[in-house]
Amino acid sequence: MTALGMNERAWALADLCAAHAAELRVGVHTLASGARILDAGVQAPGGLAAGRALAELCMGGLGHVAFAPLTIGGDTWSGIHVWTDHPAVSCMASQYAGWAINPEGFFAMGSGPLRATARVERELFARLDYVEDGGRGVLVLEGRTLPTDEVVAWVAARAGMAPGAITLAVAPTASGAGGVQIVARVIETGLHKMDTLGFDVNRVMSAMGTAPLAPVARNDLRAVGRTNDCILYGGQARFLVAADDAALAALAERLPASASPDYGTPFYDIFTRYDNDFYKIDPMLFSPAEVWLTSTVSGRTFHAGHLNPDVLRASLFD
């Protein structure tokens, strides 16, 4: 697949973040190695605008993010709207948090276009048939500790580039910016489930989605629960797919979160039920609440799933 220059697009967005750091309430640090760190919620306060910027960094500059009111269960919710004409690349090759950044003494999940250069997730990138070779790159970290030169060196070695050519943006889950960038994954979760089901996500031509925004939680574990619930019980996603009706009818039936036996209670309760072990949770759970699949072949649309305002209220406000 032709490279779309996501790292350069994200670098330009990171430059804008740095130029408007005071407005976005982000901290900008240059380490001894020359690496740039954008702090959107660890020591700096961050906020909604910083979260929107992080979400677009995660999508390699190929995704578009806006705030929008949503009507769910007769109530109006604050929400987010995301769309892209490059779903497989912007979501799966960039936004998906598939790279564990775990040098000794540090851990964070990595998203962003630098994944498409490092390609440590070999099987995924082989299926995507996508690679970026460039002189610099951007990675977004979900964590509560600012990366050091040692962390940057670990990342740089695996990406095959100089530490000074790397920008790392970071925000905790339980922060204004962190919550926005996680809920903005409403399309990505649908694509990831398609991939898990064995469907070729390169056949998805365009996608858009919405999800309610979670109030900031008192700690990161609670925030993981709330942000997941915004997608599992309040997320809606629409996909334009180059596939025939039979394929999309079968896919739609299995795609929403409600197709999982673990569906039905707040994610925090599910997580604690499995002893705080993500790998014990049914992987089929992680998907939007409601989906629409439109065939470019026939023009027909297949719908499945439903919103669940009761679980949303229990998770976000009770």
Protein backbone atom coordinates (compact mmCIF):
# COMPACT_ATOMS: atom_id res chain seq x y z
CA MET A 1 0.00 0.00 0.00
CA THR A 2 1.24 3.50 -0.81
CA ALA A 3 2.62 5.29 2.22
CA LEU A 4 0.48 8.25 3.25
CA GLY A 5 3.11 10.12 5.26
CA MET A 6 1.36 9.87 8.61
CA ASN A 7 4.49 10.60 10.60
CA GLU A 8 5.07 13.85 8.71
CA ARG A 9 1.41 14.79 9.09
CA ALA A 10 1.56 14.05 12.82
CA TRP A 11 4.84 15.94 13.18
CA ALA A 12 3.20 19.04 11.71
CA LEU A 13 0.32 18.62 14.17
CA ALA A 14 2.82 18.25 17.03
CA ASP A 15 4.49 21.47 15.90
CA LEU A 16 1.11 23.20 16.15
CA CYS A 17 0.60 21.78 19.64
CA ALA A 18 3.98 23.11 20.72
CA ALA A 19 3.30 26.53 19.17
CA HIS A 20 -0.04 26.75 21.02
CA ALA A 21 1.10 25.06 24.22
CA ALA A 22 -0.30 27.72 26.55
CA GLU A 23 -3.69 27.65 24.82
CA LEU A 24 -3.82 23.83 24.93
CA ARG A 25 -2.40 23.72 28.49
CA VAL A 26 0.28 21.24 27.46
CA GLY A 27 3.90 21.08 28.55
CA VAL A 28 6.67 20.91 25.94
CA HIS A 29 10.05 19.49 26.94
CA THR A 30 13.19 18.74 24.96
CA LEU A 31 15.29 15.95 26.46
CA ALA A 32 19.08 15.80 26.34
CA SER A 33 18.81 13.40 23.40
CA GLY A 34 16.85 15.99 21.43
CA ALA A 35 13.56 14.10 21.69
CA ARG A 36 10.45 16.24 22.14
CA ILE A 37 7.91 15.41 24.87
CA LEU A 38 4.37 16.78 24.81
CA ASP A 39 2.77 16.50 28.27
CA ALA A 40 -1.02 16.62 27.96
CA GLY A 41 -1.96 15.56 31.48
CA VAL A 42 0.93 14.25 33.62
CA GLN A 43 2.31 17.49 35.04
CA ALA A 44 0.48 19.88 32.71
CA PRO A 45 -3.32 20.15 33.06
CA GLY A 46 -4.22 19.47 29.41
CA GLY A 47 -7.94 19.44 28.62
CA LEU A 48 -10.47 18.95 25.86
CA ALA A 49 -8.50 20.74 23.14
CA ALA A 50 -5.36 18.81 24.05
CA GLY A 51 -7.36 15.57 23.88
CA ARG A 52 -8.64 16.41 20.41
CA ALA A 53 -5.07 17.11 19.32
CA LEU A 54 -3.89 13.80 20.80
CA ALA A 55 -6.64 11.92 18.98
CA GLU A 56 -5.61 13.42 15.64
CA LEU A 57 -1.95 12.65 16.39
CA CYS A 58 -2.98 9.06 17.11
CA MET A 59 -4.66 8.88 13.69
CA GLY A 60 -1.57 10.14 11.91
CA GLY A 61 -3.24 13.29 10.64
CA LEU A 62 -5.68 11.23 8.53
CA GLY A 63 -8.56 11.35 11.02
CA HIS A 64 -10.84 14.25 11.89
CA VAL A 65 -12.18 14.81 15.40
CA ALA A 66 -14.84 17.22 16.65
CA PHE A 67 -17.03 17.64 19.72
CA ALA A 68 -20.77 17.21 19.25
CA PRO A 69 -23.91 16.75 21.38
CA LEU A 70 -25.45 13.28 21.21
CA THR A 71 -28.95 12.07 22.05
CA ILE A 72 -28.92 8.74 23.89
CA GLY A 73 -31.94 7.35 25.73
CA GLY A 74 -33.77 10.67 25.45
CA ASP A 75 -30.96 12.59 27.15
CA THR A 76 -28.38 14.92 25.61
CA TRP A 77 -24.78 13.85 26.19
CA SER A 78 -21.49 15.60 25.44
CA GLY A 79 -19.83 13.56 22.74
CA ILE A 80 -17.22 13.20 20.07
CA HIS A 81 -17.47 12.70 16.29
CA VAL A 82 -14.66 10.99 14.35
CA TRP A 83 -14.29 10.28 10.63
CA THR A 84 -11.64 9.19 8.13
CA ASP A 85 -11.35 8.20 4.49
CA HIS A 86 -8.37 5.98 5.33
CA PRO A 87 -9.72 3.68 8.08
CA ALA A 88 -7.29 0.76 7.84
CA VAL A 89 -4.22 2.98 7.83
CA SER A 90 -5.25 5.77 10.21
CA CYS A 91 -6.92 3.46 12.73
CA MET A 92 -5.13 0.11 12.59
CA ALA A 93 -1.65 1.19 11.43
CA SER A 94 -1.61 4.24 13.69
CA GLN A 95 -4.38 4.80 16.26
CA TYR A 96 -4.60 1.26 17.65
CA ALA A 97 -2.70 0.99 20.96
CA GLY A 98 -0.80 -2.11 19.92
CA TRP A 99 2.78 -1.35 20.99
CA ALA A 100 3.70 -1.99 24.62
CA ILE A 101 6.45 0.48 25.54
CA ASN A 102 8.09 -1.43 28.36
CA PRO A 103 11.78 -0.75 28.95
CA GLU A 104 12.85 -1.53 32.50
CA GLY A 105 11.03 0.67 34.99
CA PHE A 106 8.52 2.12 32.53
CA PHE A 107 5.26 1.03 30.92
CA ALA A 108 2.78 2.67 28.58
CA MET A 109 0.72 1.61 25.59
CA GLY A 110 1.86 3.25 22.37
CA SER A 111 -0.34 4.59 19.58
CA GLY A 112 0.43 6.72 16.57
CA PRO A 113 2.20 6.59 13.23
CA LEU A 114 5.62 5.61 14.59
CA ARG A 115 4.09 2.13 14.90
CA ALA A 116 4.04 1.98 11.08
CA THR A 117 7.79 2.54 11.03
CA ALA A 118 8.75 0.24 13.89
CA ARG A 119 6.26 -2.47 12.82
CA VAL A 120 6.89 -4.51 15.95
CA GLU A 121 3.37 -5.95 15.52
CA ARG A 122 4.58 -7.98 12.57
CA GLU A 123 1.50 -10.09 11.87
CA LEU A 124 -0.85 -7.09 11.94
CA PHE A 125 1.30 -5.00 9.62
CA ALA A 126 1.72 -7.93 7.26
CA ARG A 127 -2.07 -8.09 6.95
CA LEU A 128 -2.30 -4.33 6.49
CA ASP A 129 0.56 -4.38 3.95
CA TYR A 130 1.61 -0.93 5.15
CA VAL A 131 4.95 0.57 6.10
CA GLU A 132 6.39 4.04 6.54
CA ASP A 133 10.09 4.80 6.19
CA GLY A 134 10.94 8.26 7.38
CA GLY A 135 13.46 10.31 9.25
CA ARG A 136 11.21 11.21 12.17
CA GLY A 137 8.14 9.94 13.94
CA VAL A 138 5.38 10.54 16.52
CA LEU A 139 4.09 8.20 19.22
CA VAL A 140 1.28 8.81 21.73
CA LEU A 141 1.57 7.14 25.14
CA GLU A 142 -1.23 6.34 27.57
CA GLY A 143 0.48 6.57 30.93
CA ARG A 144 1.11 8.58 34.07
CA THR A 145 4.90 8.97 33.83
CA LEU A 146 6.80 11.25 31.47
CA PRO A 147 9.28 9.33 29.29
CA THR A 148 13.01 9.77 29.86
CA ASP A 149 15.98 9.62 27.50
CA GLU A 150 16.26 5.92 28.32
CA VAL A 151 12.67 5.33 27.17
CA VAL A 152 13.28 7.33 24.00
CA ALA A 153 16.44 5.32 23.27
CA TRP A 154 14.45 2.08 23.64
CA VAL A 155 11.79 3.34 21.21
CA ALA A 156 14.36 4.77 18.78
CA ALA A 157 16.29 1.50 18.60
CA ARG A 158 13.16 -0.40 17.59
CA ALA A 159 12.05 2.26 15.11
CA GLY A 160 15.50 2.56 13.53
CA MET A 161 15.79 6.32 13.91
CA ALA A 162 17.68 8.88 15.97
CA PRO A 163 16.24 9.82 19.39
CA GLY A 164 16.20 13.47 18.37
CA ALA A 165 13.82 12.62 15.53
CA ILE A 166 11.10 11.40 17.88
CA THR A 167 8.14 13.19 19.48
CA LEU A 168 6.34 11.44 22.33
CA ALA A 169 2.98 12.79 23.52
CA VAL A 170 1.61 11.46 26.81
CA ALA A 171 -1.56 11.68 28.90
CA PRO A 172 -2.99 9.47 31.68
CA THR A 173 -6.28 7.66 31.19
CA ALA A 174 -7.83 9.62 34.08
CA SER A 175 -7.34 13.05 32.54
CA GLY A 176 -9.33 15.35 30.30
CA ALA A 177 -7.07 14.82 27.30
CA GLY A 178 -6.64 11.10 27.92
CA GLY A 179 -10.37 10.51 28.08
CA VAL A 180 -10.97 12.30 24.77
CA GLN A 181 -8.29 10.45 22.83
CA ILE A 182 -9.50 7.06 24.11
CA VAL A 183 -13.19 7.61 23.32
CA ALA A 184 -12.11 8.85 19.86
CA ARG A 185 -11.22 5.19 19.15
CA VAL A 186 -14.87 4.34 18.44
CA ILE A 187 -14.10 3.57 14.76
CA GLU A 188 -10.82 1.83 15.55
CA THR A 189 -12.47 -0.63 17.94
CA GLY A 190 -14.85 -1.70 15.17
CA LEU A 191 -12.00 -2.17 12.71
CA HIS A 192 -9.97 -4.10 15.28
CA LYS A 193 -12.88 -6.47 15.86
CA MET A 194 -13.26 -6.94 12.10
CA ASP A 195 -9.60 -7.90 11.95
CA THR A 196 -10.04 -10.27 14.90
CA LEU A 197 -12.95 -11.91 13.06
CA GLY A 198 -10.73 -12.43 10.02
CA PHE A 199 -12.25 -9.72 7.83
CA ASP A 200 -9.83 -7.74 5.62
CA VAL A 201 -10.00 -4.17 6.98
CA ASN A 202 -8.35 -2.85 3.83
CA ARG A 203 -11.81 -3.29 2.25
CA VAL A 204 -13.23 -0.57 4.52
CA MET A 205 -13.20 2.58 2.41
CA SER A 206 -14.51 5.24 4.81
CA ALA A 207 -15.77 5.32 8.38
CA MET A 208 -17.35 7.67 10.88
CA GLY A 209 -18.45 7.29 14.44
CA THR A 210 -19.72 8.99 17.58
CA ALA A 211 -19.48 8.26 21.29
CA PRO A 212 -20.27 10.12 24.53
CA LEU A 213 -17.41 11.62 26.51
CA ALA A 214 -16.70 10.25 29.97
CA PRO A 215 -16.34 12.50 33.01
CA VAL A 216 -12.79 12.34 34.37
CA ALA A 217 -12.57 9.48 36.85
CA ARG A 218 -10.83 9.50 40.24
CA ASN A 219 -8.14 7.05 39.11
CA ASP A 220 -6.87 5.38 35.97
CA LEU A 221 -8.59 2.04 36.59
CA ARG A 222 -11.98 3.72 36.93
CA ALA A 223 -11.18 5.78 33.84
CA VAL A 224 -10.45 2.62 31.86
CA GLY A 225 -13.95 1.45 32.79
CA ARG A 226 -15.69 4.68 31.87
CA THR A 227 -13.92 5.25 28.55
CA ASN A 228 -14.53 1.67 27.44
CA ASP A 229 -18.21 1.93 28.36
CA CYS A 230 -18.59 5.06 26.22
CA ILE A 231 -17.76 2.90 23.20
CA LEU A 232 -19.27 -0.46 24.27
CA TYR A 233 -22.62 1.02 25.32
CA GLY A 234 -22.72 4.45 23.65
CA GLY A 235 -20.59 4.15 20.51
CA GLN A 236 -22.08 4.24 17.02
CA ALA A 237 -20.00 3.55 13.90
CA ARG A 238 -20.76 3.53 10.18
CA PHE A 239 -18.50 1.81 7.67
CA LEU A 240 -18.49 1.95 3.85
CA VAL A 241 -17.12 -1.42 2.74
CA ALA A 242 -16.09 -2.94 -0.58
CA ALA A 243 -17.85 -6.27 0.01
CA ASP A 244 -21.00 -8.07 -1.10
CA ASP A 245 -24.22 -8.37 0.85
CA ALA A 246 -23.59 -11.90 2.13
CA ALA A 247 -20.25 -10.93 3.64
CA LEU A 248 -21.61 -7.80 5.31
CA ALA A 249 -24.74 -9.50 6.65
CA ALA A 250 -22.58 -12.12 8.35
CA LEU A 251 -20.12 -9.51 9.64
CA ALA A 252 -22.80 -7.17 11.01
CA GLU A 253 -24.29 -9.94 13.12
CA ARG A 254 -21.00 -10.49 14.99
CA LEU A 255 -19.63 -6.94 15.08
CA PRO A 256 -21.36 -5.01 17.90
CA ALA A 257 -20.27 -5.29 21.52
CA SER A 258 -23.57 -6.96 22.38
CA ALA A 259 -22.47 -10.06 20.42
CA SER A 260 -20.14 -10.90 23.34
CA PRO A 261 -21.30 -12.93 26.36
CA ASP A 262 -19.41 -10.45 28.59
CA TYR A 263 -21.67 -7.59 27.44
CA GLY A 264 -24.22 -6.08 29.79
CA THR A 265 -22.52 -4.55 32.85
CA PRO A 266 -20.07 -1.65 33.34
CA PHE A 267 -16.59 -2.49 32.14
CA TYR A 268 -15.06 -1.87 35.58
CA ASP A 269 -17.25 -4.67 36.98
CA ILE A 270 -16.28 -6.98 34.12
CA PHE A 271 -12.60 -6.19 34.67
CA THR A 272 -12.72 -6.90 38.41
CA ARG A 273 -14.70 -10.10 37.78
CA TYR A 274 -11.69 -11.35 35.81
CA ASP A 275 -9.16 -10.36 38.51
CA ASN A 276 -8.09 -7.21 36.61
CA ASP A 277 -6.74 -9.32 33.74
CA PHE A 278 -7.60 -7.94 30.28
CA TYR A 279 -6.64 -11.21 28.64
CA LYS A 280 -9.43 -13.08 30.43
CA ILE A 281 -12.09 -10.80 28.94
CA ASP A 282 -13.77 -12.00 25.76
CA PRO A 283 -11.98 -10.11 22.92
CA MET A 284 -15.28 -9.95 21.03
CA LEU A 285 -16.54 -7.41 23.59
CA PHE A 286 -14.37 -4.55 22.35
CA SER A 287 -16.46 -2.90 19.65
CA PRO A 288 -19.01 -0.09 19.25
CA ALA A 289 -22.50 -0.58 20.66
CA GLU A 290 -24.19 -0.06 17.29
CA VAL A 291 -22.88 -0.44 13.72
CA TRP A 292 -23.98 0.13 10.14
CA LEU A 293 -22.17 -1.53 7.21
CA THR A 294 -22.87 -0.19 3.71
CA SER A 295 -21.80 -2.18 0.66
CA THR A 296 -20.14 -0.30 -2.22
CA VAL A 297 -21.25 -3.22 -4.42
CA SER A 298 -25.02 -3.19 -3.80
CA GLY A 299 -25.59 0.02 -1.85
CA ARG A 300 -27.42 -1.93 0.86
CA THR A 301 -26.83 -1.15 4.54
CA PHE A 302 -26.73 -3.74 7.31
CA HIS A 303 -27.42 -2.65 10.89
CA ALA A 304 -26.76 -4.40 14.20
CA GLY A 305 -26.48 -3.63 17.89
CA HIS A 306 -28.08 -0.97 20.08
CA LEU A 307 -27.24 1.76 22.55
CA ASN A 308 -27.53 0.99 26.26
CA PRO A 309 -28.13 4.22 28.21
CA ASP A 310 -28.82 2.37 31.47
CA VAL A 311 -25.33 0.85 31.64
CA LEU A 312 -23.83 4.16 30.50
CA ARG A 313 -25.53 6.05 33.33
CA ALA A 314 -24.45 3.42 35.86
CA SER A 315 -20.87 3.66 34.67
CA LEU A 316 -20.48 7.40 34.22
CA PHE A 317 -22.70 8.93 36.91
CA ASP A 318 -23.76 6.44 39.59
